[in-house]
Amino acid sequence: MVRGAKEVGTDRIELYTEPYARCYSEADREAVIRPFVAAAEEARRLGLGINAGHDLSLVNLAYFKLQIPFLDEVSIGHALICDALYLGLETTIQRYLDCLK
């Protein structure tokens, strides 16, 4: 699938991370992330940028970034706003940025 993205001329892919997020706490996280790492490595070999998004949160983002350190962008919406209701927006944004360091 990644190769197909390159063939049609796109400059990046987005990893749809709901399956990772859904299984993160239920299963061995190494097994859960393996296909995402493989897709990201293929994209990188092909010179494509890599975005990720869907259900990423403070619970699962740092490990995702650790395994795929060459992410260009992550899309985080729902979890960020939910966290901000409890932690405040500034604190929440800082915590997400810390996960991405």
Protein backbone atom coordinates (compact mmCIF):
# COMPACT_ATOMS: atom_id res chain seq x y z
CA MET A 1 0.00 0.00 0.00
CA VAL A 2 2.84 2.41 0.79
CA ARG A 3 4.45 1.75 -2.57
CA GLY A 4 1.12 2.60 -4.23
CA ALA A 5 1.12 5.98 -2.51
CA LYS A 6 4.51 6.71 -4.02
CA GLU A 7 3.40 5.51 -7.46
CA VAL A 8 0.47 7.93 -7.57
CA GLY A 9 2.75 10.83 -6.72
CA THR A 10 1.86 11.67 -3.15
CA ASP A 11 4.55 13.15 -0.93
CA ARG A 12 3.47 11.52 2.33
CA ILE A 13 1.34 8.88 3.98
CA GLU A 14 -0.80 8.94 7.11
CA LEU A 15 -0.75 6.00 9.45
CA TYR A 16 -4.30 5.38 10.69
CA THR A 17 -3.56 4.64 14.33
CA GLU A 18 -6.92 3.55 15.73
CA PRO A 19 -5.95 -0.16 15.72
CA TYR A 20 -2.75 0.69 17.59
CA ALA A 21 -4.57 2.87 20.13
CA ARG A 22 -7.38 0.36 20.64
CA CYS A 23 -5.00 -2.52 21.39
CA TYR A 24 -2.25 -0.57 23.13
CA SER A 25 -3.23 -1.55 26.66
CA GLU A 26 -4.78 -4.91 25.80
CA ALA A 27 -1.93 -6.59 23.97
CA ASP A 28 1.80 -6.71 23.69
CA ARG A 29 2.57 -3.22 22.46
CA GLU A 30 5.55 -4.45 20.46
CA ALA A 31 3.31 -6.72 18.40
CA VAL A 32 0.66 -4.03 18.02
CA ILE A 33 3.07 -1.43 16.66
CA ARG A 34 5.03 -3.75 14.35
CA PRO A 35 2.93 -3.13 11.19
CA PHE A 36 3.08 0.64 11.75
CA VAL A 37 6.86 0.56 12.04
CA ALA A 38 7.10 -1.55 8.87
CA ALA A 39 4.89 0.86 6.91
CA ALA A 40 6.78 3.88 8.22
CA GLU A 41 10.14 2.37 7.34
CA GLU A 42 8.91 1.56 3.83
CA ALA A 43 7.62 5.11 3.41
CA ARG A 44 10.92 6.52 4.58
CA ARG A 45 12.86 4.31 2.15
CA LEU A 46 10.65 5.64 -0.64
CA GLY A 47 11.24 9.25 0.40
CA LEU A 48 7.71 9.85 1.67
CA GLY A 49 6.80 11.93 4.69
CA ILE A 50 4.94 10.22 7.51
CA ASN A 51 1.93 11.52 9.41
CA ALA A 52 -0.08 9.62 12.00
CA GLY A 53 -3.42 10.10 13.61
CA HIS A 54 -6.59 8.74 15.18
CA ASP A 55 -7.00 7.98 18.87
CA LEU A 56 -3.46 8.95 19.81
CA SER A 57 -3.31 10.16 23.41
CA LEU A 58 -0.99 10.88 26.31
CA VAL A 59 -1.19 7.18 27.13
CA ASN A 60 0.07 5.83 23.81
CA LEU A 61 1.79 8.66 21.92
CA ALA A 62 5.26 8.56 23.49
CA TYR A 63 5.76 4.87 22.68
CA PHE A 64 4.53 5.42 19.11
CA LYS A 65 7.00 8.27 18.64
CA LEU A 66 9.80 6.24 20.22
CA GLN A 67 9.24 3.46 17.69
CA ILE A 68 8.76 5.81 14.73
CA PRO A 69 11.03 8.77 15.52
CA PHE A 70 10.88 10.23 12.02
CA LEU A 71 7.20 11.24 12.15
CA ASP A 72 6.53 14.53 10.41
CA GLU A 73 3.14 15.25 11.93
CA VAL A 74 0.54 13.78 14.27
CA SER A 75 -3.14 14.63 14.35
CA ILE A 76 -4.54 14.74 17.86
CA GLY A 77 -7.90 16.31 18.49
CA HIS A 78 -10.39 14.53 20.69
CA ALA A 79 -7.94 13.30 23.32
CA LEU A 80 -6.20 16.66 23.53
CA ILE A 81 -9.45 18.50 24.20
CA CYS A 82 -10.60 15.90 26.74
CA ASP A 83 -7.28 16.14 28.57
CA ALA A 84 -7.45 19.94 28.47
CA LEU A 85 -10.77 19.88 30.33
CA TYR A 86 -8.96 18.38 33.31
CA LEU A 87 -5.41 19.68 32.96
CA GLY A 88 -5.89 23.02 31.22
CA LEU A 89 -4.98 23.72 27.62
CA GLU A 90 -1.43 25.00 28.18
CA THR A 91 -0.44 22.05 30.38
CA THR A 92 -2.03 19.57 28.00
CA ILE A 93 -0.28 20.95 24.94
CA GLN A 94 3.04 20.88 26.79
CA ARG A 95 2.50 17.25 27.78
CA TYR A 96 1.76 16.27 24.18
CA LEU A 97 4.84 18.14 22.98
CA ASP A 98 6.89 16.32 25.62
CA CYS A 99 5.63 13.00 24.25
CA LEU A 100 6.94 13.98 20.84
CA LYS A 101 10.46 14.92 21.94
